[in-house]
Amino acid sequence: MINKLFPLISIAVLLSSCSKKKRTAMSNETYQPPKYDTTAIDSFSAGATNVDIAAKIRMSSKVYKDSVAAVLKQQEEEKRLKALLDKEEERKKKEEEKKNNTTAEPAPVAESSSQQ
């Protein structure tokens, strides 16, 4: 009986351990290559240091140019709004002065003829 039971148990264990499992390999959809920040270095040119070249590369990039353009556009908008606010304040001042001048001047009093 033991001779029959041992092979049955070993076959059951072998079949359960050798079952098909899902692969864990990365697919192309989930794989994202690492992003490296590289800098070109010319060791034979004078003044070609890492910092200089990195600054030139950053300044020539589209993102940098777009951000500079956005800052300039924002500054222009701020100047325009400031000019509008100044104009509005000046208009309100003029209206207030006009209002004060009309109320400050008393109506001319008719002089009586008995004082002549």
PDB file of N, CA and C in Angstrom:
ATOM      1  N   MET A   1       0.821  -1.187   0.000  1.00  0.00           N
ATOM      2  CA  MET A   1       0.000   0.000   0.000  1.00  0.00           C
ATOM      3  C   MET A   1       0.866   1.252   0.000  1.00  0.00           C
ATOM      4  N   ILE A   2       1.928   1.224   0.752  1.00  0.00           N
ATOM      5  CA  ILE A   2       2.826   2.358   0.796  1.00  0.00           C
ATOM      6  C   ILE A   2       3.480   2.538  -0.569  1.00  0.00           C
ATOM      7  N   ASN A   3       3.754   1.444  -1.243  1.00  0.00           N
ATOM      8  CA  ASN A   3       4.367   1.533  -2.562  1.00  0.00           C
ATOM      9  C   ASN A   3       3.448   2.225  -3.564  1.00  0.00           C
ATOM     10  N   LYS A   4       2.147   2.113  -3.428  1.00  0.00           N
ATOM     11  CA  LYS A   4       1.203   2.752  -4.335  1.00  0.00           C
ATOM     12  C   LYS A   4       0.905   4.189  -3.903  1.00  0.00           C
ATOM     13  N   LEU A   5       0.898   4.435  -2.625  1.00  0.00           N
ATOM     14  CA  LEU A   5       0.543   5.757  -2.096  1.00  0.00           C
ATOM     15  C   LEU A   5       1.654   6.780  -2.327  1.00  0.00           C
ATOM     16  N   PHE A   6       2.882   6.368  -2.172  1.00  0.00           N
ATOM     17  CA  PHE A   6       4.008   7.297  -2.346  1.00  0.00           C
ATOM     18  C   PHE A   6       4.086   7.854  -3.769  1.00  0.00           C
ATOM     19  N   PRO A   7       3.998   7.046  -4.810  1.00  0.00           N
ATOM     20  CA  PRO A   7       4.033   7.599  -6.165  1.00  0.00           C
ATOM     21  C   PRO A   7       2.833   8.502  -6.449  1.00  0.00           C
ATOM     22  N   LEU A   8       1.668   8.184  -5.931  1.00  0.00           N
ATOM     23  CA  LEU A   8       0.485   9.039  -6.140  1.00  0.00           C
ATOM     24  C   LEU A   8       0.672  10.418  -5.481  1.00  0.00           C
ATOM     25  N   ILE A   9       1.184  10.446  -4.308  1.00  0.00           N
ATOM     26  CA  ILE A   9       1.404  11.712  -3.600  1.00  0.00           C
ATOM     27  C   ILE A   9       2.490  12.521  -4.309  1.00  0.00           C
ATOM     28  N   SER A  10       3.557  11.861  -4.732  1.00  0.00           N
ATOM     29  CA  SER A  10       4.632  12.591  -5.409  1.00  0.00           C
ATOM     30  C   SER A  10       4.161  13.144  -6.753  1.00  0.00           C
ATOM     31  N   ILE A  11       3.336  12.414  -7.487  1.00  0.00           N
ATOM     32  CA  ILE A  11       2.784  12.903  -8.753  1.00  0.00           C
ATOM     33  C   ILE A  11       1.852  14.094  -8.500  1.00  0.00           C
ATOM     34  N   ALA A  12       1.043  14.042  -7.458  1.00  0.00           N
ATOM     35  CA  ALA A  12       0.121  15.146  -7.121  1.00  0.00           C
ATOM     36  C   ALA A  12       0.912  16.406  -6.766  1.00  0.00           C
ATOM     37  N   VAL A  13       1.965  16.241  -5.998  1.00  0.00           N
ATOM     38  CA  VAL A  13       2.806  17.388  -5.633  1.00  0.00           C
ATOM     39  C   VAL A  13       3.505  17.945  -6.868  1.00  0.00           C
ATOM     40  N   LEU A  14       4.016  17.071  -7.706  1.00  0.00           N
ATOM     41  CA  LEU A  14       4.704  17.485  -8.916  1.00  0.00           C
ATOM     42  C   LEU A  14       3.764  18.234  -9.861  1.00  0.00           C
ATOM     43  N   LEU A  15       2.562  17.763 -10.031  1.00  0.00           N
ATOM     44  CA  LEU A  15       1.599  18.424 -10.915  1.00  0.00           C
ATOM     45  C   LEU A  15       1.156  19.781 -10.362  1.00  0.00           C
ATOM     46  N   SER A  16       0.988  19.872  -9.079  1.00  0.00           N
ATOM     47  CA  SER A  16       0.544  21.148  -8.505  1.00  0.00           C
ATOM     48  C   SER A  16       1.670  22.183  -8.517  1.00  0.00           C
ATOM     49  N   SER A  17       2.922  21.751  -8.382  1.00  0.00           N
ATOM     50  CA  SER A  17       4.033  22.698  -8.380  1.00  0.00           C
ATOM     51  C   SER A  17       4.446  23.099  -9.790  1.00  0.00           C
ATOM     52  N   CYS A  18       4.135  22.328 -10.775  1.00  0.00           N
ATOM     53  CA  CYS A  18       4.509  22.623 -12.155  1.00  0.00           C
ATOM     54  C   CYS A  18       3.347  23.217 -12.953  1.00  0.00           C
ATOM     55  N   SER A  19       2.385  23.778 -12.285  1.00  0.00           N
ATOM     56  CA  SER A  19       1.261  24.379 -13.007  1.00  0.00           C
ATOM     57  C   SER A  19       1.732  25.646 -13.719  1.00  0.00           C
ATOM     58  N   LYS A  20       1.004  26.040 -14.744  1.00  0.00           N
ATOM     59  CA  LYS A  20       1.396  27.221 -15.507  1.00  0.00           C
ATOM     60  C   LYS A  20       1.138  28.474 -14.682  1.00  0.00           C
ATOM     61  N   LYS A  21       2.150  29.308 -14.645  1.00  0.00           N
ATOM     62  CA  LYS A  21       2.026  30.577 -13.933  1.00  0.00           C
ATOM     63  C   LYS A  21       2.131  31.702 -14.941  1.00  0.00           C
ATOM     64  N   LYS A  22       1.581  32.853 -14.590  1.00  0.00           N
ATOM     65  CA  LYS A  22       1.666  34.006 -15.475  1.00  0.00           C
ATOM     66  C   LYS A  22       3.104  34.509 -15.486  1.00  0.00           C
ATOM     67  N   ARG A  23       3.500  34.944 -16.641  1.00  0.00           N
ATOM     68  CA  ARG A  23       4.849  35.483 -16.749  1.00  0.00           C
ATOM     69  C   ARG A  23       4.903  36.858 -16.094  1.00  0.00           C
ATOM     70  N   THR A  24       6.021  37.149 -15.520  1.00  0.00           N
ATOM     71  CA  THR A  24       6.199  38.441 -14.867  1.00  0.00           C
ATOM     72  C   THR A  24       7.101  39.361 -15.671  1.00  0.00           C
ATOM     73  N   ALA A  25       7.393  39.002 -16.914  1.00  0.00           N
ATOM     74  CA  ALA A  25       8.265  39.832 -17.747  1.00  0.00           C
ATOM     75  C   ALA A  25       7.540  41.133 -18.099  1.00  0.00           C
ATOM     76  N   MET A  26       8.315  42.194 -18.259  1.00  0.00           N
ATOM     77  CA  MET A  26       7.739  43.505 -18.581  1.00  0.00           C
ATOM     78  C   MET A  26       7.281  43.535 -20.032  1.00  0.00           C
ATOM     79  N   SER A  27       6.150  44.141 -20.227  1.00  0.00           N
ATOM     80  CA  SER A  27       5.691  44.330 -21.593  1.00  0.00           C
ATOM     81  C   SER A  27       6.152  45.696 -22.084  1.00  0.00           C
ATOM     82  N   ASN A  28       6.046  45.928 -23.365  1.00  0.00           N
ATOM     83  CA  ASN A  28       6.475  47.206 -23.930  1.00  0.00           C
ATOM     84  C   ASN A  28       5.607  48.362 -23.453  1.00  0.00           C
ATOM     85  N   GLU A  29       4.383  48.087 -23.078  1.00  0.00           N
ATOM     86  CA  GLU A  29       3.464  49.130 -22.647  1.00  0.00           C
ATOM     87  C   GLU A  29       3.870  49.726 -21.302  1.00  0.00           C
ATOM     88  N   THR A  30       4.369  48.916 -20.409  1.00  0.00           N
ATOM     89  CA  THR A  30       4.698  49.414 -19.078  1.00  0.00           C
ATOM     90  C   THR A  30       6.149  49.830 -18.940  1.00  0.00           C
ATOM     91  N   TYR A  31       6.984  49.453 -19.880  1.00  0.00           N
ATOM     92  CA  TYR A  31       8.406  49.768 -19.777  1.00  0.00           C
ATOM     93  C   TYR A  31       8.648  51.226 -20.165  1.00  0.00           C
ATOM     94  N   GLN A  32       9.309  51.940 -19.286  1.00  0.00           N
ATOM     95  CA  GLN A  32       9.683  53.321 -19.555  1.00  0.00           C
ATOM     96  C   GLN A  32      11.181  53.436 -19.352  1.00  0.00           C
ATOM     97  N   PRO A  33      11.898  53.764 -20.410  1.00  0.00           N
ATOM     98  CA  PRO A  33      13.348  53.865 -20.250  1.00  0.00           C
ATOM     99  C   PRO A  33      13.700  55.025 -19.334  1.00  0.00           C
ATOM    100  N   PRO A  34      14.770  54.922 -18.593  1.00  0.00           N
ATOM    101  CA  PRO A  34      15.164  56.011 -17.688  1.00  0.00           C
ATOM    102  C   PRO A  34      15.569  57.248 -18.481  1.00  0.00           C
ATOM    103  N   LYS A  35      15.298  58.407 -17.916  1.00  0.00           N
ATOM    104  CA  LYS A  35      15.640  59.670 -18.562  1.00  0.00           C
ATOM    105  C   LYS A  35      16.979  60.138 -18.011  1.00  0.00           C
ATOM    106  N   TYR A  36      17.911  60.306 -18.908  1.00  0.00           N
ATOM    107  CA  TYR A  36      19.240  60.744 -18.515  1.00  0.00           C
ATOM    108  C   TYR A  36      19.439  62.209 -18.880  1.00  0.00           C
ATOM    109  N   ASP A  37      20.115  62.930 -18.033  1.00  0.00           N
ATOM    110  CA  ASP A  37      20.474  64.306 -18.312  1.00  0.00           C
ATOM    111  C   ASP A  37      21.940  64.283 -18.744  1.00  0.00           C
ATOM    112  N   THR A  38      22.168  64.422 -20.041  1.00  0.00           N
ATOM    113  CA  THR A  38      23.532  64.349 -20.542  1.00  0.00           C
ATOM    114  C   THR A  38      24.018  65.712 -20.971  1.00  0.00           C
ATOM    115  N   THR A  39      25.295  65.919 -20.867  1.00  0.00           N
ATOM    116  CA  THR A  39      25.919  67.178 -21.249  1.00  0.00           C
ATOM    117  C   THR A  39      27.121  66.881 -22.131  1.00  0.00           C
ATOM    118  N   ALA A  40      27.216  67.606 -23.246  1.00  0.00           N
ATOM    119  CA  ALA A  40      28.365  67.444 -24.128  1.00  0.00           C
ATOM    120  C   ALA A  40      29.528  68.257 -23.568  1.00  0.00           C
ATOM    121  N   ILE A  41      30.687  67.657 -23.540  1.00  0.00           N
ATOM    122  CA  ILE A  41      31.870  68.335 -23.000  1.00  0.00           C
ATOM    123  C   ILE A  41      32.968  68.299 -24.052  1.00  0.00           C
ATOM    124  N   ASP A  42      33.520  69.461 -24.346  1.00  0.00           N
ATOM    125  CA  ASP A  42      34.657  69.553 -25.258  1.00  0.00           C
ATOM    126  C   ASP A  42      35.850  69.984 -24.423  1.00  0.00           C
ATOM    127  N   SER A  43      36.697  69.048 -24.102  1.00  0.00           N
ATOM    128  CA  SER A  43      37.815  69.354 -23.207  1.00  0.00           C
ATOM    129  C   SER A  43      38.939  70.103 -23.899  1.00  0.00           C
ATOM    130  N   PHE A  44      38.909  70.211 -25.224  1.00  0.00           N
ATOM    131  CA  PHE A  44      39.981  70.875 -25.949  1.00  0.00           C
ATOM    132  C   PHE A  44      39.681  72.342 -26.247  1.00  0.00           C
ATOM    133  N   SER A  45      38.439  72.772 -26.057  1.00  0.00           N
ATOM    134  CA  SER A  45      38.078  74.167 -26.326  1.00  0.00           C
ATOM    135  C   SER A  45      38.168  74.979 -25.046  1.00  0.00           C
ATOM    136  N   ALA A  46      38.665  76.185 -25.196  1.00  0.00           N
ATOM    137  CA  ALA A  46      38.767  77.061 -24.029  1.00  0.00           C
ATOM    138  C   ALA A  46      37.380  77.559 -23.646  1.00  0.00           C
ATOM    139  N   GLY A  47      37.076  77.546 -22.392  1.00  0.00           N
ATOM    140  CA  GLY A  47      35.793  78.048 -21.897  1.00  0.00           C
ATOM    141  C   GLY A  47      34.648  77.073 -22.040  1.00  0.00           C
ATOM    142  N   ALA A  48      34.902  75.881 -22.504  1.00  0.00           N
ATOM    143  CA  ALA A  48      33.839  74.896 -22.659  1.00  0.00           C
ATOM    144  C   ALA A  48      33.770  74.050 -21.398  1.00  0.00           C
ATOM    145  N   THR A  49      33.117  74.572 -20.385  1.00  0.00           N
ATOM    146  CA  THR A  49      32.968  73.834 -19.138  1.00  0.00           C
ATOM    147  C   THR A  49      31.564  73.259 -19.079  1.00  0.00           C
ATOM    148  N   ASN A  50      31.367  72.376 -18.148  1.00  0.00           N
ATOM    149  CA  ASN A  50      30.053  71.745 -17.990  1.00  0.00           C
ATOM    150  C   ASN A  50      28.959  72.770 -17.795  1.00  0.00           C
ATOM    151  N   VAL A  51      29.215  73.748 -16.978  1.00  0.00           N
ATOM    152  CA  VAL A  51      28.191  74.735 -16.637  1.00  0.00           C
ATOM    153  C   VAL A  51      27.830  75.574 -17.850  1.00  0.00           C
ATOM    154  N   ASP A  52      28.832  76.011 -18.617  1.00  0.00           N
ATOM    155  CA  ASP A  52      28.572  76.836 -19.794  1.00  0.00           C
ATOM    156  C   ASP A  52      27.748  76.088 -20.830  1.00  0.00           C
ATOM    157  N   ILE A  53      28.157  74.885 -21.117  1.00  0.00           N
ATOM    158  CA  ILE A  53      27.466  74.104 -22.138  1.00  0.00           C
ATOM    159  C   ILE A  53      26.066  73.734 -21.670  1.00  0.00           C
ATOM    160  N   ALA A  54      25.916  73.366 -20.411  1.00  0.00           N
ATOM    161  CA  ALA A  54      24.591  73.029 -19.896  1.00  0.00           C
ATOM    162  C   ALA A  54      23.669  74.232 -19.963  1.00  0.00           C
ATOM    163  N   ALA A  55      24.183  75.418 -19.660  1.00  0.00           N
ATOM    164  CA  ALA A  55      23.358  76.626 -19.740  1.00  0.00           C
ATOM    165  C   ALA A  55      22.938  76.900 -21.178  1.00  0.00           C
ATOM    166  N   LYS A  56      23.844  76.718 -22.130  1.00  0.00           N
ATOM    167  CA  LYS A  56      23.505  76.929 -23.544  1.00  0.00           C
ATOM    168  C   LYS A  56      22.449  75.934 -24.010  1.00  0.00           C
ATOM    169  N   ILE A  57      22.584  74.692 -23.589  1.00  0.00           N
ATOM    170  CA  ILE A  57      21.607  73.672 -23.986  1.00  0.00           C
ATOM    171  C   ILE A  57      20.242  74.003 -23.409  1.00  0.00           C
ATOM    172  N   ARG A  58      20.201  74.392 -22.136  1.00  0.00           N
ATOM    173  CA  ARG A  58      18.924  74.740 -21.514  1.00  0.00           C
ATOM    174  C   ARG A  58      18.274  75.937 -22.197  1.00  0.00           C
ATOM    175  N   MET A  59      19.089  76.949 -22.510  1.00  0.00           N
ATOM    176  CA  MET A  59      18.548  78.151 -23.133  1.00  0.00           C
ATOM    177  C   MET A  59      18.061  77.900 -24.551  1.00  0.00           C
ATOM    178  N   SER A  60      18.621  76.925 -25.207  1.00  0.00           N
ATOM    179  CA  SER A  60      18.193  76.637 -26.572  1.00  0.00           C
ATOM    180  C   SER A  60      17.011  75.679 -26.611  1.00  0.00           C
ATOM    181  N   SER A  61      16.641  75.135 -25.490  1.00  0.00           N
ATOM    182  CA  SER A  61      15.540  74.184 -25.481  1.00  0.00           C
ATOM    183  C   SER A  61      14.207  74.892 -25.668  1.00  0.00           C
ATOM    184  N   LYS A  62      13.257  74.173 -26.195  1.00  0.00           N
ATOM    185  CA  LYS A  62      11.936  74.732 -26.484  1.00  0.00           C
ATOM    186  C   LYS A  62      11.198  75.107 -25.200  1.00  0.00           C
ATOM    187  N   VAL A  63      11.364  74.303 -24.166  1.00  0.00           N
ATOM    188  CA  VAL A  63      10.682  74.579 -22.896  1.00  0.00           C
ATOM    189  C   VAL A  63      11.166  75.903 -22.313  1.00  0.00           C
ATOM    190  N   TYR A  64      12.474  76.149 -22.384  1.00  0.00           N
ATOM    191  CA  TYR A  64      13.025  77.399 -21.853  1.00  0.00           C
ATOM    192  C   TYR A  64      12.494  78.579 -22.641  1.00  0.00           C
ATOM    193  N   LYS A  65      12.498  78.459 -23.961  1.00  0.00           N
ATOM    194  CA  LYS A  65      12.001  79.551 -24.798  1.00  0.00           C
ATOM    195  C   LYS A  65      10.521  79.809 -24.537  1.00  0.00           C
ATOM    196  N   ASP A  66       9.746  78.738 -24.350  1.00  0.00           N
ATOM    197  CA  ASP A  66       8.330  78.901 -24.056  1.00  0.00           C
ATOM    198  C   ASP A  66       8.125  79.577 -22.708  1.00  0.00           C
ATOM    199  N   SER A  67       8.938  79.214 -21.711  1.00  0.00           N
ATOM    200  CA  SER A  67       8.778  79.820 -20.394  1.00  0.00           C
ATOM    201  C   SER A  67       9.170  81.292 -20.426  1.00  0.00           C
ATOM    202  N   VAL A  68      10.203  81.635 -21.183  1.00  0.00           N
ATOM    203  CA  VAL A  68      10.605  83.044 -21.317  1.00  0.00           C
ATOM    204  C   VAL A  68       9.497  83.830 -22.009  1.00  0.00           C
ATOM    205  N   ALA A  69       8.914  83.248 -23.041  1.00  0.00           N
ATOM    206  CA  ALA A  69       7.825  83.916 -23.750  1.00  0.00           C
ATOM    207  C   ALA A  69       6.621  84.114 -22.829  1.00  0.00           C
ATOM    208  N   ALA A  70       6.340  83.129 -21.990  1.00  0.00           N
ATOM    209  CA  ALA A  70       5.218  83.244 -21.058  1.00  0.00           C
ATOM    210  C   ALA A  70       5.474  84.353 -20.037  1.00  0.00           C
ATOM    211  N   VAL A  71       6.706  84.464 -19.553  1.00  0.00           N
ATOM    212  CA  VAL A  71       7.042  85.515 -18.584  1.00  0.00           C
ATOM    213  C   VAL A  71       6.903  86.883 -19.229  1.00  0.00           C
ATOM    214  N   LEU A  72       7.415  87.028 -20.452  1.00  0.00           N
ATOM    215  CA  LEU A  72       7.299  88.309 -21.152  1.00  0.00           C
ATOM    216  C   LEU A  72       5.841  88.674 -21.397  1.00  0.00           C
ATOM    217  N   LYS A  73       5.045  87.702 -21.763  1.00  0.00           N
ATOM    218  CA  LYS A  73       3.617  87.941 -21.996  1.00  0.00           C
ATOM    219  C   LYS A  73       2.925  88.372 -20.703  1.00  0.00           C
ATOM    220  N   GLN A  74       3.282  87.738 -19.597  1.00  0.00           N
ATOM    221  CA  GLN A  74       2.701  88.088 -18.306  1.00  0.00           C
ATOM    222  C   GLN A  74       3.107  89.498 -17.894  1.00  0.00           C
ATOM    223  N   GLN A  75       4.357  89.872 -18.113  1.00  0.00           N
ATOM    224  CA  GLN A  75       4.807  91.221 -17.772  1.00  0.00           C
ATOM    225  C   GLN A  75       4.080  92.253 -18.623  1.00  0.00           C
ATOM    226  N   GLU A  76       3.885  91.955 -19.887  1.00  0.00           N
ATOM    227  CA  GLU A  76       3.169  92.869 -20.774  1.00  0.00           C
ATOM    228  C   GLU A  76       1.722  93.045 -20.313  1.00  0.00           C
ATOM    229  N   GLU A  77       1.107  91.953 -19.901  1.00  0.00           N
ATOM    230  CA  GLU A  77      -0.278  92.013 -19.406  1.00  0.00           C
ATOM    231  C   GLU A  77      -0.355  92.836 -18.118  1.00  0.00           C
ATOM    232  N   GLU A  78       0.630  92.673 -17.232  1.00  0.00           N
ATOM    233  CA  GLU A  78       0.651  93.445 -15.987  1.00  0.00           C
ATOM    234  C   GLU A  78       0.798  94.935 -16.280  1.00  0.00           C
ATOM    235  N   LYS A  79       1.649  95.291 -17.239  1.00  0.00           N
ATOM    236  CA  LYS A  79       1.815  96.696 -17.603  1.00  0.00           C
ATOM    237  C   LYS A  79       0.518  97.264 -18.157  1.00  0.00           C
ATOM    238  N   ARG A  80      -0.163  96.484 -18.990  1.00  0.00           N
ATOM    239  CA  ARG A  80      -1.418  96.937 -19.583  1.00  0.00           C
ATOM    240  C   ARG A  80      -2.483  97.158 -18.503  1.00  0.00           C
ATOM    241  N   LEU A  81      -2.560  96.218 -17.560  1.00  0.00           N
ATOM    242  CA  LEU A  81      -3.543  96.351 -16.480  1.00  0.00           C
ATOM    243  C   LEU A  81      -3.214  97.540 -15.583  1.00  0.00           C
ATOM    244  N   LYS A  82      -1.932  97.760 -15.313  1.00  0.00           N
ATOM    245  CA  LYS A  82      -1.528  98.897 -14.488  1.00  0.00           C
ATOM    246  C   LYS A  82      -1.895 100.201 -15.177  1.00  0.00           C
ATOM    247  N   ALA A  83      -1.681 100.280 -16.488  1.00  0.00           N
ATOM    248  CA  ALA A  83      -2.043 101.484 -17.240  1.00  0.00           C
ATOM    249  C   ALA A  83      -3.551 101.713 -17.190  1.00  0.00           C
ATOM    250  N   LEU A  84      -4.329 100.650 -17.310  1.00  0.00           N
ATOM    251  CA  LEU A  84      -5.787 100.785 -17.221  1.00  0.00           C
ATOM    252  C   LEU A  84      -6.216 101.260 -15.844  1.00  0.00           C
ATOM    253  N   LEU A  85      -5.598 100.711 -14.801  1.00  0.00           N
ATOM    254  CA  LEU A  85      -5.939 101.125 -13.440  1.00  0.00           C
ATOM    255  C   LEU A  85      -5.575 102.595 -13.206  1.00  0.00           C
ATOM    256  N   ASP A  86      -4.420 103.012 -13.680  1.00  0.00           N
ATOM    257  CA  ASP A  86      -4.012 104.413 -13.533  1.00  0.00           C
ATOM    258  C   ASP A  86      -4.979 105.331 -14.264  1.00  0.00           C
ATOM    259  N   LYS A  87      -5.381 104.922 -15.441  1.00  0.00           N
ATOM    260  CA  LYS A  87      -6.324 105.721 -16.234  1.00  0.00           C
ATOM    261  C   LYS A  87      -7.664 105.841 -15.509  1.00  0.00           C
ATOM    262  N   GLU A  88      -8.107 104.737 -14.946  1.00  0.00           N
ATOM    263  CA  GLU A  88      -9.384 104.733 -14.220  1.00  0.00           C
ATOM    264  C   GLU A  88      -9.304 105.611 -12.974  1.00  0.00           C
ATOM    265  N   GLU A  89      -8.194 105.528 -12.239  1.00  0.00           N
ATOM    266  CA  GLU A  89      -8.025 106.367 -11.053  1.00  0.00           C
ATOM    267  C   GLU A  89      -7.996 107.847 -11.423  1.00  0.00           C
ATOM    268  N   GLU A  90      -7.329 108.172 -12.509  1.00  0.00           N
ATOM    269  CA  GLU A  90      -7.244 109.564 -12.967  1.00  0.00           C
ATOM    270  C   GLU A  90      -8.633 110.076 -13.355  1.00  0.00           C
ATOM    271  N   ARG A  91      -9.404 109.221 -14.025  1.00  0.00           N
ATOM    272  CA  ARG A  91     -10.764 109.613 -14.420  1.00  0.00           C
ATOM    273  C   ARG A  91     -11.630 109.860 -13.189  1.00  0.00           C
ATOM    274  N   LYS A  92     -11.496 108.992 -12.184  1.00  0.00           N
ATOM    275  CA  LYS A  92     -12.279 109.165 -10.955  1.00  0.00           C
ATOM    276  C   LYS A  92     -11.866 110.433 -10.220  1.00  0.00           C
ATOM    277  N   LYS A  93     -10.565 110.729 -10.206  1.00  0.00           N
ATOM    278  CA  LYS A  93     -10.082 111.961  -9.563  1.00  0.00           C
ATOM    279  C   LYS A  93     -10.674 113.187 -10.232  1.00  0.00           C
ATOM    280  N   LYS A  94     -10.660 113.180 -11.566  1.00  0.00           N
ATOM    281  CA  LYS A  94     -11.194 114.318 -12.309  1.00  0.00           C
ATOM    282  C   LYS A  94     -12.683 114.500 -12.032  1.00  0.00           C
ATOM    283  N   GLU A  95     -13.419 113.402 -11.995  1.00  0.00           N
ATOM    284  CA  GLU A  95     -14.860 113.484 -11.701  1.00  0.00           C
ATOM    285  C   GLU A  95     -15.080 114.035 -10.297  1.00  0.00           C
ATOM    286  N   GLU A  96     -14.272 113.576  -9.350  1.00  0.00           N
ATOM    287  CA  GLU A  96     -14.426 114.042  -7.974  1.00  0.00           C
ATOM    288  C   GLU A  96     -14.072 115.528  -7.855  1.00  0.00           C
ATOM    289  N   GLU A  97     -13.009 115.946  -8.531  1.00  0.00           N
ATOM    290  CA  GLU A  97     -12.636 117.364  -8.509  1.00  0.00           C
ATOM    291  C   GLU A  97     -13.729 118.216  -9.146  1.00  0.00           C
ATOM    292  N   LYS A  98     -14.275 117.726 -10.231  1.00  0.00           N
ATOM    293  CA  LYS A  98     -15.357 118.449 -10.905  1.00  0.00           C
ATOM    294  C   LYS A  98     -16.563 118.567  -9.976  1.00  0.00           C
ATOM    295  N   LYS A  99     -16.852 117.493  -9.268  1.00  0.00           N
ATOM    296  CA  LYS A  99     -17.986 117.473  -8.351  1.00  0.00           C
ATOM    297  C   LYS A  99     -17.723 118.436  -7.190  1.00  0.00           C
ATOM    298  N   ASN A 100     -16.486 118.416  -6.659  1.00  0.00           N
ATOM    299  CA  ASN A 100     -16.124 119.304  -5.556  1.00  0.00           C
ATOM    300  C   ASN A 100     -16.145 120.765  -5.998  1.00  0.00           C
ATOM    301  N   ASN A 101     -15.707 121.070  -7.206  1.00  0.00           N
ATOM    302  CA  ASN A 101     -15.706 122.445  -7.711  1.00  0.00           C
ATOM    303  C   ASN A 101     -17.125 122.974  -7.879  1.00  0.00           C
ATOM    304  N   THR A 102     -18.029 122.157  -8.317  1.00  0.00           N
ATOM    305  CA  THR A 102     -19.404 122.634  -8.510  1.00  0.00           C
ATOM    306  C   THR A 102     -20.105 122.822  -7.174  1.00  0.00           C
ATOM    307  N   THR A 103     -19.812 122.004  -6.189  1.00  0.00           N
ATOM    308  CA  THR A 103     -20.467 122.160  -4.887  1.00  0.00           C
ATOM    309  C   THR A 103     -19.753 123.188  -4.015  1.00  0.00           C
ATOM    310  N   ALA A 104     -18.467 123.423  -4.247  1.00  0.00           N
ATOM    311  CA  ALA A 104     -17.710 124.362  -3.428  1.00  0.00           C
ATOM    312  C   ALA A 104     -18.021 125.810  -3.797  1.00  0.00           C
ATOM    313  N   GLU A 105     -18.311 126.063  -5.032  1.00  0.00           N
ATOM    314  CA  GLU A 105     -18.616 127.429  -5.445  1.00  0.00           C
ATOM    315  C   GLU A 105     -20.049 127.758  -5.043  1.00  0.00           C
ATOM    316  N   PRO A 106     -20.204 128.748  -4.195  1.00  0.00           N
ATOM    317  CA  PRO A 106     -21.574 129.100  -3.805  1.00  0.00           C
ATOM    318  C   PRO A 106     -22.267 129.813  -4.960  1.00  0.00           C
ATOM    319  N   ALA A 107     -23.533 129.703  -4.960  1.00  0.00           N
ATOM    320  CA  ALA A 107     -24.309 130.363  -5.994  1.00  0.00           C
ATOM    321  C   ALA A 107     -24.202 131.879  -5.775  1.00  0.00           C
ATOM    322  N   PRO A 108     -24.060 132.632  -6.848  1.00  0.00           N
ATOM    323  CA  PRO A 108     -23.922 134.070  -6.686  1.00  0.00           C
ATOM    324  C   PRO A 108     -25.199 134.651  -6.065  1.00  0.00           C
ATOM    325  N   VAL A 109     -24.985 135.491  -5.055  1.00  0.00           N
ATOM    326  CA  VAL A 109     -26.104 136.100  -4.351  1.00  0.00           C
ATOM    327  C   VAL A 109     -26.438 137.423  -5.045  1.00  0.00           C
ATOM    328  N   ALA A 110     -27.670 137.607  -5.268  1.00  0.00           N
ATOM    329  CA  ALA A 110     -28.081 138.843  -5.926  1.00  0.00           C
ATOM    330  C   ALA A 110     -27.966 139.982  -4.928  1.00  0.00           C
ATOM    331  N   GLU A 111     -27.246 141.030  -5.325  1.00  0.00           N
ATOM    332  CA  GLU A 111     -27.053 142.169  -4.420  1.00  0.00           C
ATOM    333  C   GLU A 111     -28.287 143.056  -4.503  1.00  0.00           C
ATOM    334  N   SER A 112     -28.615 143.545  -3.371  1.00  0.00           N
ATOM    335  CA  SER A 112     -29.790 144.423  -3.347  1.00  0.00           C
ATOM    336  C   SER A 112     -29.394 145.847  -3.760  1.00  0.00           C
ATOM    337  N   SER A 113     -30.306 146.585  -4.270  1.00  0.00           N
ATOM    338  CA  SER A 113     -30.024 147.934  -4.750  1.00  0.00           C
ATOM    339  C   SER A 113     -29.980 148.940  -3.614  1.00  0.00           C
ATOM    340  N   SER A 114     -30.297 148.572  -2.413  1.00  0.00           N
ATOM    341  CA  SER A 114     -30.298 149.521  -1.300  1.00  0.00           C
ATOM    342  C   SER A 114     -28.914 149.832  -0.803  1.00  0.00           C
ATOM    343  N   GLN A 115     -27.907 149.090  -1.130  1.00  0.00           N
ATOM    344  CA  GLN A 115     -26.571 149.332  -0.667  1.00  0.00           C
ATOM    345  C   GLN A 115     -25.813 150.311  -1.533  1.00  0.00           C
ATOM    346  N   GLN A 116     -26.283 150.778  -2.548  1.00  0.00           N
ATOM    347  CA  GLN A 116     -25.570 151.684  -3.442  1.00  0.00           C
ATOM    348  C   GLN A 116     -25.429 152.982  -2.843  1.00  0.00           C
TER     349      GLN A 116
END
